[in-house]
Protein backbone atom coordinates (compact mmCIF):
# COMPACT_ATOMS: atom_id res chain seq x y z
CA MET A 1 112.36 66.19 87.03
CA GLU A 2 109.61 67.01 89.52
CA PRO A 3 109.53 70.05 91.81
CA GLU A 4 110.47 69.49 95.43
CA ARG A 5 107.28 71.15 96.61
CA GLU A 6 104.25 72.73 95.07
CA SER A 7 103.47 76.37 95.79
CA CYS A 8 99.88 77.31 96.19
CA LEU A 9 98.51 80.66 95.06
CA VAL A 10 98.38 82.02 98.62
CA GLU A 11 102.11 81.40 99.11
CA VAL A 12 102.96 83.08 95.80
CA VAL A 13 100.85 86.17 96.57
CA ASP A 14 102.29 86.34 100.10
CA ARG A 15 105.83 86.26 98.74
CA LEU A 16 105.04 88.90 96.09
CA LEU A 17 103.56 91.26 98.69
CA ASN A 18 106.43 90.71 101.14
CA LYS A 19 109.23 91.18 98.59
CA GLY A 20 107.49 93.37 96.01
CA VAL A 21 107.67 93.43 92.23
CA VAL A 22 108.67 96.42 90.10
CA LEU A 23 107.91 96.70 86.39
CA ASN A 24 109.56 99.43 84.33
CA ALA A 25 108.64 99.70 80.66
CA ASP A 26 109.36 102.24 77.93
CA LEU A 27 107.31 102.12 74.74
CA ILE A 28 107.84 104.34 71.71
CA ILE A 29 105.41 104.13 68.79
CA THR A 30 106.91 105.23 65.50
CA VAL A 31 105.38 105.80 62.07
CA ALA A 32 107.74 105.75 59.07
CA GLY A 33 110.72 106.02 61.42
CA ILE A 34 109.35 109.10 63.21
CA PRO A 35 108.61 108.72 66.93
CA MET A 36 104.99 109.73 67.50
CA ILE A 37 104.07 108.55 71.00
CA GLY A 38 106.24 107.79 74.02
CA LEU A 39 105.01 105.90 77.05
CA ASN A 40 106.88 105.35 80.29
CA LEU A 41 105.27 102.87 82.68
CA ARG A 42 106.26 102.10 86.24
CA ALA A 43 104.17 99.66 88.23
CA ILE A 44 104.85 98.40 91.74
CA LEU A 45 103.08 95.54 93.46
CA ALA A 46 103.83 95.24 97.18
CA SER A 47 102.13 95.50 100.54
CA MET A 48 101.93 98.93 102.19
CA GLU A 49 104.28 97.68 104.90
CA THR A 50 106.90 96.71 102.29
CA MET A 51 106.53 100.03 100.47
CA LEU A 52 106.92 101.98 103.72
CA ASP A 53 110.02 99.92 104.57
CA TYR A 54 111.56 101.10 101.27
CA GLY A 55 110.49 104.72 101.83
CA MET A 56 107.67 104.74 99.26
CA MET A 57 104.12 106.02 99.72
CA GLU A 58 104.90 107.73 103.05
CA ASP A 59 102.95 110.89 102.14
CA CYS A 60 99.96 108.86 100.95
CA ASP A 61 99.99 106.73 104.10
CA LYS A 62 100.15 109.82 106.33
CA ALA A 63 97.32 111.54 104.44
CA THR A 64 95.16 108.41 104.56
CA ARG A 65 95.67 108.00 108.31
CA GLU A 66 94.82 111.67 108.93
CA TRP A 67 91.69 111.40 106.77
CA TYR A 68 90.58 108.25 108.59
CA THR A 69 91.10 109.93 111.97
CA ARG A 70 88.97 112.92 110.89
CA GLN A 71 86.22 110.62 109.56
CA LYS A 72 86.13 108.66 112.79
CA CYS A 73 85.39 111.89 114.64
CA LEU A 74 82.54 112.75 112.24
CA VAL A 75 80.69 109.42 112.51
CA PRO A 76 77.92 109.66 115.12
CA SER A 77 77.82 106.98 117.77
CA MET A 78 75.05 104.38 117.44
CA ASN A 79 74.96 103.81 121.23
CA ARG A 80 72.36 105.89 123.06
């Protein structure tokens, strides 16, 4: 059976950024049945627009925009 169409890398990345991917993982390392180290991992891959649509990263986006606005004011003009 052959696929109906081939997806190129650009289409796959575009779909991932538009929909987003969430990875949740819990890892516990034990020695002789005794838990020694616990690791909780949460990774999200999505575009900023997608994250903002879901209510994530709003504070970071606001802070970044404010920082950029302040930096724009500090850069001297090259036109004389």
